[in-house]
N, C-alpha and C. Protein backbone atom coordinates (compact mmCIF):
# COMPACT_ATOMS: atom_id res chain seq x y z
N UNK A 1 126.85 122.75 107.99
CA UNK A 1 126.07 121.87 107.12
C UNK A 1 126.74 120.50 107.06
N UNK A 2 125.94 119.47 107.03
CA UNK A 2 126.44 118.10 106.96
C UNK A 2 126.84 117.78 105.53
N UNK A 3 128.00 117.18 105.38
CA UNK A 3 128.54 116.83 104.08
C UNK A 3 128.19 115.38 103.73
N UNK A 4 127.41 115.14 102.66
CA UNK A 4 127.07 113.76 102.29
C UNK A 4 128.30 112.89 102.03
N UNK A 5 129.40 113.48 101.60
CA UNK A 5 130.62 112.70 101.39
C UNK A 5 131.14 112.09 102.68
N UNK A 6 130.98 112.82 103.79
CA UNK A 6 131.38 112.27 105.08
C UNK A 6 130.51 111.07 105.46
N UNK A 7 129.23 111.11 105.11
CA UNK A 7 128.34 109.98 105.38
C UNK A 7 128.86 108.73 104.69
N UNK A 8 129.22 108.85 103.43
CA UNK A 8 129.66 107.69 102.66
C UNK A 8 130.94 107.09 103.22
N UNK A 9 131.82 107.92 103.78
CA UNK A 9 133.07 107.42 104.34
C UNK A 9 132.84 106.57 105.58
N UNK A 10 131.65 106.69 106.19
CA UNK A 10 131.35 105.99 107.44
C UNK A 10 130.68 104.64 107.22
N UNK A 11 130.43 104.26 105.99
CA UNK A 11 129.69 103.03 105.72
C UNK A 11 130.63 101.83 105.80
N UNK A 12 130.37 100.91 106.75
CA UNK A 12 131.19 99.70 106.81
C UNK A 12 130.79 98.70 105.74
N UNK A 13 131.42 97.56 105.74
CA UNK A 13 131.12 96.52 104.76
C UNK A 13 129.64 96.15 104.79
N UNK A 14 129.10 95.85 103.61
CA UNK A 14 127.69 95.49 103.49
C UNK A 14 127.47 94.06 103.96
N UNK A 15 126.19 93.74 104.28
CA UNK A 15 125.85 92.37 104.65
C UNK A 15 125.79 91.49 103.41
N UNK A 16 125.40 90.23 103.57
CA UNK A 16 125.43 89.28 102.46
C UNK A 16 124.49 89.66 101.31
N UNK A 17 123.48 90.48 101.56
CA UNK A 17 122.58 90.91 100.50
C UNK A 17 123.11 92.14 99.78
N UNK A 18 124.23 92.66 100.23
CA UNK A 18 124.81 93.83 99.58
C UNK A 18 124.41 95.14 100.21
N UNK A 19 123.67 95.11 101.32
CA UNK A 19 123.24 96.34 101.97
C UNK A 19 123.83 96.42 103.37
N UNK A 20 124.30 97.60 103.77
CA UNK A 20 124.76 97.76 105.15
C UNK A 20 123.60 97.49 106.12
N UNK A 21 123.90 97.03 107.32
CA UNK A 21 122.84 96.69 108.28
C UNK A 21 122.29 97.93 109.00
N UNK A 22 121.67 98.84 108.24
CA UNK A 22 121.18 100.10 108.83
C UNK A 22 120.15 99.87 109.92
N UNK A 23 119.44 98.74 109.88
CA UNK A 23 118.43 98.44 110.89
C UNK A 23 119.06 98.19 112.26
N UNK A 24 120.36 97.91 112.30
CA UNK A 24 121.06 97.66 113.56
C UNK A 24 121.71 98.91 114.13
N UNK A 25 121.77 99.98 113.36
CA UNK A 25 122.48 101.17 113.79
C UNK A 25 121.52 102.17 114.42
N UNK A 26 121.92 102.73 115.56
CA UNK A 26 121.11 103.74 116.24
C UNK A 26 121.96 104.93 116.64
N UNK A 27 122.55 105.61 115.66
CA UNK A 27 123.37 106.78 115.98
C UNK A 27 122.49 107.97 116.33
N UNK A 28 123.08 109.02 116.87
CA UNK A 28 122.29 110.22 117.17
C UNK A 28 121.83 110.91 115.88
N UNK A 29 120.67 111.55 115.97
CA UNK A 29 120.14 112.34 114.85
C UNK A 29 120.95 113.62 114.76
N UNK A 30 121.47 113.90 113.57
CA UNK A 30 122.34 115.06 113.37
C UNK A 30 121.66 116.19 112.61
N UNK A 31 120.35 116.07 112.36
CA UNK A 31 119.64 117.09 111.62
C UNK A 31 119.31 116.63 110.22
N UNK A 32 118.64 117.50 109.49
CA UNK A 32 118.25 117.18 108.11
C UNK A 32 119.24 117.81 107.15
N UNK A 33 119.39 117.17 105.99
CA UNK A 33 120.20 117.75 104.92
C UNK A 33 119.28 118.04 103.75
N UNK A 34 119.71 118.89 102.87
CA UNK A 34 118.92 119.28 101.70
C UNK A 34 119.09 118.22 100.61
N UNK A 35 118.52 117.04 100.90
CA UNK A 35 118.52 115.95 99.93
C UNK A 35 117.08 115.48 99.78
N UNK A 36 116.69 115.26 98.52
CA UNK A 36 115.30 114.89 98.23
C UNK A 36 115.28 113.81 97.15
N UNK A 37 114.35 112.87 97.33
CA UNK A 37 114.10 111.88 96.29
C UNK A 37 112.74 112.21 95.70
N UNK A 38 112.72 112.58 94.42
CA UNK A 38 111.48 112.95 93.73
C UNK A 38 110.65 111.71 93.43
N UNK A 39 109.39 111.90 93.10
CA UNK A 39 108.49 110.79 92.80
C UNK A 39 108.98 109.95 91.63
N UNK A 40 109.74 110.54 90.71
CA UNK A 40 110.26 109.79 89.56
C UNK A 40 111.57 109.06 89.88
N UNK A 41 112.03 109.12 91.15
CA UNK A 41 113.23 108.41 91.56
C UNK A 41 114.51 109.21 91.46
N UNK A 42 114.43 110.45 90.98
CA UNK A 42 115.62 111.30 90.87
C UNK A 42 116.02 111.79 92.26
N UNK A 43 117.30 111.66 92.58
CA UNK A 43 117.86 112.15 93.83
C UNK A 43 118.41 113.55 93.60
N UNK A 44 118.13 114.46 94.54
CA UNK A 44 118.59 115.84 94.46
C UNK A 44 119.39 116.18 95.72
N UNK A 45 120.47 116.93 95.53
CA UNK A 45 121.21 117.49 96.66
C UNK A 45 121.34 118.98 96.42
N UNK A 46 120.92 119.78 97.40
CA UNK A 46 120.90 121.24 97.29
C UNK A 46 120.15 121.70 96.04
N UNK A 47 119.07 120.99 95.69
CA UNK A 47 118.23 121.35 94.56
C UNK A 47 118.73 120.91 93.21
N UNK A 48 119.89 120.26 93.16
CA UNK A 48 120.48 119.83 91.90
C UNK A 48 120.43 118.30 91.80
N UNK A 49 120.02 117.76 90.65
CA UNK A 49 120.00 116.30 90.52
C UNK A 49 121.39 115.70 90.70
N UNK A 50 121.45 114.57 91.40
CA UNK A 50 122.71 113.84 91.52
C UNK A 50 122.82 112.98 90.27
N UNK A 51 123.73 113.33 89.39
CA UNK A 51 123.82 112.68 88.09
C UNK A 51 124.66 111.42 88.07
N UNK A 52 125.42 111.18 89.11
CA UNK A 52 126.29 110.00 89.14
C UNK A 52 125.54 108.82 89.76
N UNK A 53 125.18 107.85 88.93
CA UNK A 53 124.41 106.70 89.42
C UNK A 53 125.14 105.93 90.52
N UNK A 54 126.48 105.75 90.47
CA UNK A 54 127.15 105.07 91.58
C UNK A 54 126.97 105.79 92.92
N UNK A 55 126.93 107.12 92.89
CA UNK A 55 126.71 107.89 94.12
C UNK A 55 125.29 107.66 94.65
N UNK A 56 124.31 107.69 93.76
CA UNK A 56 122.93 107.43 94.16
C UNK A 56 122.82 106.01 94.72
N UNK A 57 123.47 105.07 94.07
CA UNK A 57 123.45 103.67 94.53
C UNK A 57 124.01 103.57 95.95
N UNK A 58 125.12 104.26 96.22
CA UNK A 58 125.69 104.24 97.58
C UNK A 58 124.71 104.81 98.61
N UNK A 59 124.14 105.97 98.30
CA UNK A 59 123.18 106.57 99.22
C UNK A 59 121.97 105.67 99.42
N UNK A 60 121.51 105.03 98.34
CA UNK A 60 120.32 104.18 98.45
C UNK A 60 120.55 102.99 99.36
N UNK A 61 121.81 102.62 99.57
CA UNK A 61 122.13 101.51 100.44
C UNK A 61 122.06 101.84 101.92
N UNK A 62 122.04 103.14 102.26
CA UNK A 62 122.00 103.52 103.68
C UNK A 62 120.71 104.26 104.05
N UNK A 63 119.69 104.14 103.21
CA UNK A 63 118.42 104.79 103.52
C UNK A 63 117.61 103.90 104.46
N UNK A 64 116.92 104.55 105.37
CA UNK A 64 116.05 103.84 106.31
C UNK A 64 114.81 104.68 106.55
N UNK A 65 113.71 103.99 106.75
CA UNK A 65 112.45 104.66 107.06
C UNK A 65 112.06 104.31 108.49
N UNK A 66 111.82 105.34 109.29
CA UNK A 66 111.33 105.19 110.65
C UNK A 66 110.00 105.94 110.71
N UNK A 67 108.90 105.20 110.82
CA UNK A 67 107.58 105.83 110.77
C UNK A 67 107.36 106.40 109.39
N UNK A 68 107.05 107.69 109.31
CA UNK A 68 106.84 108.35 108.02
C UNK A 68 108.07 109.12 107.56
N UNK A 69 109.16 109.03 108.30
CA UNK A 69 110.35 109.81 108.00
C UNK A 69 111.45 108.93 107.42
N UNK A 70 112.26 109.55 106.55
CA UNK A 70 113.36 108.86 105.90
C UNK A 70 114.69 109.46 106.35
N UNK A 71 115.69 108.58 106.47
CA UNK A 71 117.00 108.99 106.95
C UNK A 71 118.09 108.29 106.15
N UNK A 72 119.25 108.92 106.09
CA UNK A 72 120.47 108.24 105.68
C UNK A 72 121.19 107.94 106.99
N UNK A 73 121.58 106.67 107.16
CA UNK A 73 122.10 106.22 108.44
C UNK A 73 123.46 105.54 108.27
N UNK A 74 124.40 105.92 109.13
CA UNK A 74 125.69 105.24 109.23
C UNK A 74 125.83 104.84 110.70
N UNK A 75 126.87 104.12 111.05
CA UNK A 75 127.03 103.77 112.47
C UNK A 75 127.18 104.97 113.40
N UNK A 76 127.60 106.13 112.87
CA UNK A 76 127.86 107.27 113.76
C UNK A 76 126.95 108.49 113.57
N UNK A 77 126.16 108.53 112.48
CA UNK A 77 125.22 109.65 112.35
C UNK A 77 124.00 109.26 111.52
N UNK A 78 122.95 110.02 111.77
CA UNK A 78 121.66 109.81 111.12
C UNK A 78 121.15 111.19 110.69
N UNK A 79 120.88 111.33 109.38
CA UNK A 79 120.41 112.62 108.88
C UNK A 79 119.08 112.43 108.14
N UNK A 80 118.21 113.40 108.28
CA UNK A 80 116.91 113.34 107.62
C UNK A 80 116.99 113.78 106.18
N UNK A 81 116.21 113.11 105.33
CA UNK A 81 116.06 113.50 103.93
C UNK A 81 114.59 113.53 103.60
N UNK A 82 114.25 114.15 102.48
CA UNK A 82 112.86 114.24 102.04
C UNK A 82 112.63 113.23 100.92
N UNK A 83 111.52 112.50 101.02
CA UNK A 83 111.12 111.56 99.97
C UNK A 83 109.70 111.94 99.55
N UNK A 84 109.53 112.30 98.27
CA UNK A 84 108.23 112.78 97.80
C UNK A 84 107.14 111.70 97.84
N UNK A 85 107.50 110.45 97.51
CA UNK A 85 106.52 109.37 97.51
C UNK A 85 107.15 108.10 98.06
N UNK A 86 107.94 107.43 97.25
CA UNK A 86 108.68 106.23 97.67
C UNK A 86 110.15 106.45 97.31
N UNK A 87 111.07 105.81 98.03
CA UNK A 87 112.48 106.06 97.74
C UNK A 87 112.99 105.41 96.46
N UNK A 88 112.22 104.49 95.90
CA UNK A 88 112.63 103.80 94.69
C UNK A 88 111.50 103.79 93.67
N UNK A 89 111.85 103.49 92.42
CA UNK A 89 110.88 103.30 91.35
C UNK A 89 111.18 101.96 90.70
N UNK A 90 110.18 101.09 90.60
CA UNK A 90 110.33 99.82 89.90
C UNK A 90 110.23 100.11 88.40
N UNK A 91 111.36 99.93 87.70
CA UNK A 91 111.44 100.36 86.30
C UNK A 91 111.37 99.21 85.30
N UNK A 92 111.48 97.98 85.77
CA UNK A 92 111.35 96.86 84.84
C UNK A 92 110.76 95.65 85.54
N UNK A 93 110.19 94.77 84.72
CA UNK A 93 109.51 93.58 85.22
C UNK A 93 109.90 92.40 84.35
N UNK A 94 110.27 91.30 85.00
CA UNK A 94 110.51 90.04 84.31
C UNK A 94 109.47 89.06 84.83
N UNK A 95 108.88 88.30 83.93
CA UNK A 95 107.85 87.33 84.28
C UNK A 95 108.39 85.94 84.02
N UNK A 96 108.30 85.10 85.05
CA UNK A 96 108.70 83.70 84.93
C UNK A 96 107.48 82.84 85.22
N UNK A 97 107.20 81.88 84.36
CA UNK A 97 106.06 81.00 84.57
C UNK A 97 104.75 81.67 84.26
N UNK A 98 103.66 81.02 84.70
CA UNK A 98 102.32 81.59 84.48
C UNK A 98 101.36 81.08 85.53
N UNK A 99 100.19 81.72 85.58
CA UNK A 99 99.17 81.33 86.55
C UNK A 99 99.67 81.45 87.98
N UNK A 100 99.22 80.52 88.84
CA UNK A 100 99.59 80.57 90.25
C UNK A 100 101.07 80.31 90.48
N UNK A 101 101.76 79.70 89.52
CA UNK A 101 103.19 79.42 89.63
C UNK A 101 104.05 80.59 89.13
N UNK A 102 103.41 81.64 88.65
CA UNK A 102 104.12 82.79 88.10
C UNK A 102 104.96 83.50 89.16
N UNK A 103 106.10 84.02 88.74
CA UNK A 103 106.95 84.85 89.60
C UNK A 103 107.23 86.15 88.86
N UNK A 104 106.96 87.26 89.54
CA UNK A 104 107.20 88.59 88.98
C UNK A 104 108.43 89.18 89.64
N UNK A 105 109.46 89.48 88.83
CA UNK A 105 110.70 90.05 89.34
C UNK A 105 110.77 91.53 88.93
N UNK A 106 110.86 92.38 89.94
CA UNK A 106 110.94 93.82 89.73
C UNK A 106 112.37 94.29 89.93
N UNK A 107 112.84 95.18 89.06
CA UNK A 107 114.12 95.84 89.22
C UNK A 107 113.85 97.33 89.38
N UNK A 108 114.51 97.92 90.38
CA UNK A 108 114.26 99.35 90.62
C UNK A 108 115.32 100.22 89.96
N UNK A 109 115.19 101.51 90.15
CA UNK A 109 116.05 102.49 89.50
C UNK A 109 117.50 102.48 89.98
N UNK A 110 117.81 101.74 91.03
CA UNK A 110 119.21 101.60 91.46
C UNK A 110 119.68 100.15 91.32
N UNK A 111 118.98 99.40 90.46
CA UNK A 111 119.35 98.03 90.07
C UNK A 111 119.17 96.98 91.16
N UNK A 112 118.37 97.26 92.18
CA UNK A 112 117.99 96.22 93.15
C UNK A 112 116.88 95.40 92.53
N UNK A 113 116.85 94.10 92.82
CA UNK A 113 115.83 93.21 92.25
C UNK A 113 115.15 92.42 93.36
N UNK A 114 113.82 92.30 93.26
CA UNK A 114 113.06 91.46 94.19
C UNK A 114 112.02 90.69 93.39
N UNK A 115 111.64 89.53 93.94
CA UNK A 115 110.54 88.75 93.39
C UNK A 115 109.33 89.00 94.29
N UNK A 116 108.24 89.47 93.72
CA UNK A 116 107.04 89.72 94.50
C UNK A 116 106.56 88.41 95.11
N UNK A 117 106.13 88.48 96.35
CA UNK A 117 105.64 87.32 97.09
C UNK A 117 105.38 87.73 98.52
N UNK A 118 105.37 86.79 99.43
CA UNK A 118 105.05 87.11 100.81
C UNK A 118 106.06 88.07 101.44
N UNK A 119 107.35 87.95 101.08
CA UNK A 119 108.36 88.85 101.65
C UNK A 119 108.43 90.20 100.93
N UNK A 120 107.95 90.23 99.71
CA UNK A 120 107.98 91.46 98.91
C UNK A 120 106.61 91.67 98.27
N UNK A 121 105.62 92.06 99.10
CA UNK A 121 104.27 92.20 98.57
C UNK A 121 104.10 93.38 97.62
N UNK A 122 103.12 93.23 96.78
CA UNK A 122 102.70 94.25 95.82
C UNK A 122 101.39 94.82 96.35
N UNK A 123 101.24 96.14 96.36
CA UNK A 123 99.99 96.75 96.79
C UNK A 123 99.67 97.91 95.86
N UNK A 124 98.38 98.21 95.75
CA UNK A 124 97.94 99.31 94.90
C UNK A 124 97.00 100.19 95.71
N UNK A 125 97.36 101.47 95.81
CA UNK A 125 96.48 102.45 96.42
C UNK A 125 95.69 103.13 95.31
N UNK A 126 94.41 103.33 95.53
CA UNK A 126 93.55 104.00 94.56
C UNK A 126 93.19 105.38 95.13
N UNK A 127 93.50 106.43 94.39
CA UNK A 127 93.16 107.78 94.83
C UNK A 127 91.64 107.90 94.86
N UNK A 128 91.06 108.26 96.01
CA UNK A 128 89.59 108.32 96.10
C UNK A 128 88.95 109.37 95.19
N UNK A 129 89.67 110.42 94.85
CA UNK A 129 89.10 111.47 94.00
C UNK A 129 89.27 111.17 92.51
N UNK A 130 90.50 110.81 92.12
CA UNK A 130 90.78 110.62 90.69
C UNK A 130 90.65 109.18 90.23
N UNK A 131 90.61 108.24 91.20
CA UNK A 131 90.60 106.80 90.92
C UNK A 131 91.89 106.33 90.26
N UNK A 132 92.93 107.15 90.28
CA UNK A 132 94.22 106.78 89.70
C UNK A 132 94.94 105.82 90.64
N UNK A 133 95.46 104.71 90.09
CA UNK A 133 96.18 103.75 90.93
C UNK A 133 97.63 104.19 91.17
N UNK A 134 98.12 103.88 92.36
CA UNK A 134 99.54 104.04 92.69
C UNK A 134 100.02 102.70 93.20
N UNK A 135 100.69 101.92 92.34
CA UNK A 135 101.17 100.59 92.75
C UNK A 135 102.56 100.65 93.37
N UNK A 136 102.79 99.79 94.37
CA UNK A 136 104.06 99.74 95.07
C UNK A 136 104.47 98.29 95.29
N UNK A 137 105.78 98.06 95.32
CA UNK A 137 106.32 96.76 95.70
C UNK A 137 107.35 97.00 96.80
N UNK A 138 107.33 96.15 97.83
CA UNK A 138 108.27 96.28 98.94
C UNK A 138 109.64 95.79 98.48
N UNK A 139 110.65 96.65 98.58
CA UNK A 139 112.00 96.31 98.14
C UNK A 139 112.86 95.79 99.30
N UNK A 140 112.80 96.51 100.41
CA UNK A 140 113.55 96.14 101.62
C UNK A 140 112.67 96.52 102.79
N UNK A 141 113.10 96.14 103.98
CA UNK A 141 112.33 96.44 105.18
C UNK A 141 111.84 97.89 105.17
N UNK A 142 110.52 98.04 105.10
CA UNK A 142 109.89 99.36 105.21
C UNK A 142 110.20 100.31 104.05
N UNK A 143 110.80 99.82 102.97
CA UNK A 143 111.14 100.68 101.83
C UNK A 143 110.50 100.12 100.56
N UNK A 144 109.65 100.94 99.95
CA UNK A 144 108.93 100.51 98.76
C UNK A 144 109.45 101.19 97.51
N UNK A 145 109.08 100.59 96.39
CA UNK A 145 109.31 101.21 95.07
C UNK A 145 107.94 101.49 94.47
N UNK A 146 107.76 102.70 93.98
CA UNK A 146 106.59 103.02 93.18
C UNK A 146 106.76 102.30 91.85
N UNK A 147 105.76 101.57 91.42
CA UNK A 147 105.84 100.84 90.16
C UNK A 147 105.59 101.83 89.02
N UNK A 148 106.57 101.95 88.13
CA UNK A 148 106.48 102.86 87.00
C UNK A 148 105.23 102.53 86.17
N UNK A 149 104.65 103.54 85.57
CA UNK A 149 103.41 103.37 84.79
C UNK A 149 103.53 102.27 83.73
N UNK A 150 104.65 102.25 82.99
CA UNK A 150 104.82 101.22 81.95
C UNK A 150 104.84 99.82 82.54
N UNK A 151 105.46 99.67 83.71
CA UNK A 151 105.51 98.37 84.38
C UNK A 151 104.11 98.00 84.87
N UNK A 152 103.37 98.98 85.37
CA UNK A 152 102.00 98.71 85.82
C UNK A 152 101.13 98.23 84.64
N UNK A 153 101.32 98.82 83.46
CA UNK A 153 100.58 98.36 82.28
C UNK A 153 100.89 96.90 81.97
N UNK A 154 102.16 96.49 82.19
CA UNK A 154 102.50 95.08 82.01
C UNK A 154 101.73 94.22 83.01
N UNK A 155 101.61 94.69 84.25
CA UNK A 155 100.86 93.95 85.25
C UNK A 155 99.40 93.80 84.84
N UNK A 156 98.83 94.88 84.32
CA UNK A 156 97.43 94.84 83.88
C UNK A 156 97.25 93.82 82.77
N UNK A 157 98.22 93.72 81.87
CA UNK A 157 98.14 92.72 80.80
C UNK A 157 98.18 91.30 81.35
N UNK A 158 98.84 91.09 82.47
CA UNK A 158 98.95 89.77 83.09
C UNK A 158 97.78 89.46 84.02
N UNK A 159 96.96 90.45 84.30
CA UNK A 159 95.93 90.32 85.34
C UNK A 159 94.88 89.28 85.01
N UNK A 160 94.40 88.66 86.08
CA UNK A 160 93.32 87.70 86.03
C UNK A 160 92.25 88.17 87.00
N UNK A 161 91.01 87.72 86.79
CA UNK A 161 89.96 88.11 87.72
C UNK A 161 89.82 87.03 88.80
N UNK A 162 89.42 87.49 89.97
CA UNK A 162 89.23 86.58 91.10
C UNK A 162 88.29 87.23 92.08
N UNK A 163 87.45 86.41 92.71
CA UNK A 163 86.52 86.93 93.71
C UNK A 163 87.21 86.95 95.07
N UNK A 164 87.12 88.11 95.73
CA UNK A 164 87.67 88.28 97.07
C UNK A 164 86.59 88.93 97.92
N UNK A 165 86.19 88.24 98.97
CA UNK A 165 85.16 88.75 99.89
C UNK A 165 83.90 89.20 99.16
N UNK A 166 83.48 88.41 98.17
CA UNK A 166 82.24 88.70 97.44
C UNK A 166 82.37 89.76 96.36
N UNK A 167 83.57 90.23 96.07
CA UNK A 167 83.78 91.24 95.04
C UNK A 167 84.78 90.73 94.01
N UNK A 168 84.58 91.12 92.75
CA UNK A 168 85.49 90.73 91.67
C UNK A 168 86.66 91.71 91.60
N UNK A 169 87.86 91.14 91.55
CA UNK A 169 89.08 91.93 91.47
C UNK A 169 89.94 91.46 90.31
N UNK A 170 90.68 92.40 89.72
CA UNK A 170 91.77 92.05 88.82
C UNK A 170 93.02 91.97 89.68
N UNK A 171 93.86 90.99 89.39
CA UNK A 171 95.09 90.87 90.16
C UNK A 171 96.10 90.01 89.43
N UNK A 172 97.26 89.89 90.03
CA UNK A 172 98.34 89.10 89.46
C UNK A 172 98.86 88.12 90.51
N UNK A 173 99.36 87.00 90.01
CA UNK A 173 100.00 86.00 90.86
C UNK A 173 101.50 86.22 90.85
N UNK A 174 102.12 86.00 92.02
CA UNK A 174 103.57 85.97 92.09
C UNK A 174 103.96 85.25 93.37
N UNK A 175 104.83 84.28 93.24
CA UNK A 175 105.29 83.55 94.42
C UNK A 175 104.19 82.86 95.18
N UNK A 176 103.14 82.43 94.46
CA UNK A 176 102.03 81.74 95.11
C UNK A 176 101.03 82.64 95.80
N UNK A 177 101.16 83.95 95.63
CA UNK A 177 100.26 84.92 96.26
C UNK A 177 99.51 85.69 95.18
N UNK A 178 98.20 85.88 95.38
CA UNK A 178 97.40 86.69 94.48
C UNK A 178 97.38 88.11 95.01
N UNK A 179 97.83 89.07 94.19
CA UNK A 179 97.86 90.48 94.58
C UNK A 179 96.80 91.25 93.80
N UNK A 180 95.75 91.73 94.47
CA UNK A 180 94.73 92.53 93.80
C UNK A 180 95.32 93.84 93.30
N UNK A 181 94.97 94.22 92.08
CA UNK A 181 95.46 95.50 91.55
C UNK A 181 94.33 96.47 91.24
N UNK A 182 93.09 95.97 91.24
CA UNK A 182 91.97 96.88 91.00
C UNK A 182 90.65 96.13 91.02
N UNK A 183 89.61 96.79 91.56
CA UNK A 183 88.28 96.16 91.60
C UNK A 183 87.62 96.16 90.22
N UNK A 184 86.88 95.10 89.96
CA UNK A 184 86.12 95.02 88.70
C UNK A 184 84.68 95.50 88.89
N UNK A 185 84.19 95.44 90.11
CA UNK A 185 82.78 95.79 90.36
C UNK A 185 82.65 97.06 91.17
N UNK A 186 83.52 98.02 90.90
CA UNK A 186 83.47 99.28 91.66
C UNK A 186 82.36 100.18 91.16
């Protein structure tokens, strides 16, 4: 069995953003480990929650998504993990400015922060059966955070209506970009 502690020992210095350059590493695949990230952002190892936030923070720095699969990657090994929905949860929102000049800053469950905009888009999937929204914000290359329900309610309070392709939408501005969050004329 692969030991997650050995993975952490292989992590070199992080880049200027604080994250190791996992996108540059192409080690051999060493198999999957019994590690799972639940929809609520809780990390599990061997079915038990990882209670030490610094440990979760370290692991979150070496996660990579290739296609639909998630991996923990170091320069010398790559192991598969299970992610129930998204690897992160956006747990807080700070609003700066208003209208088209507004900037929405999201912080996730491992204290990473991004400002929604062209590099960190916000998207909302609507379940076709239940019509329940699932909002996401891009945190890092190919890695999203599910926006927590309370944070989504804050977005709804900030929402403005706008016509897009002949249909009325509710949406929010951030970084000069209008992000639709739900149709008004559905």
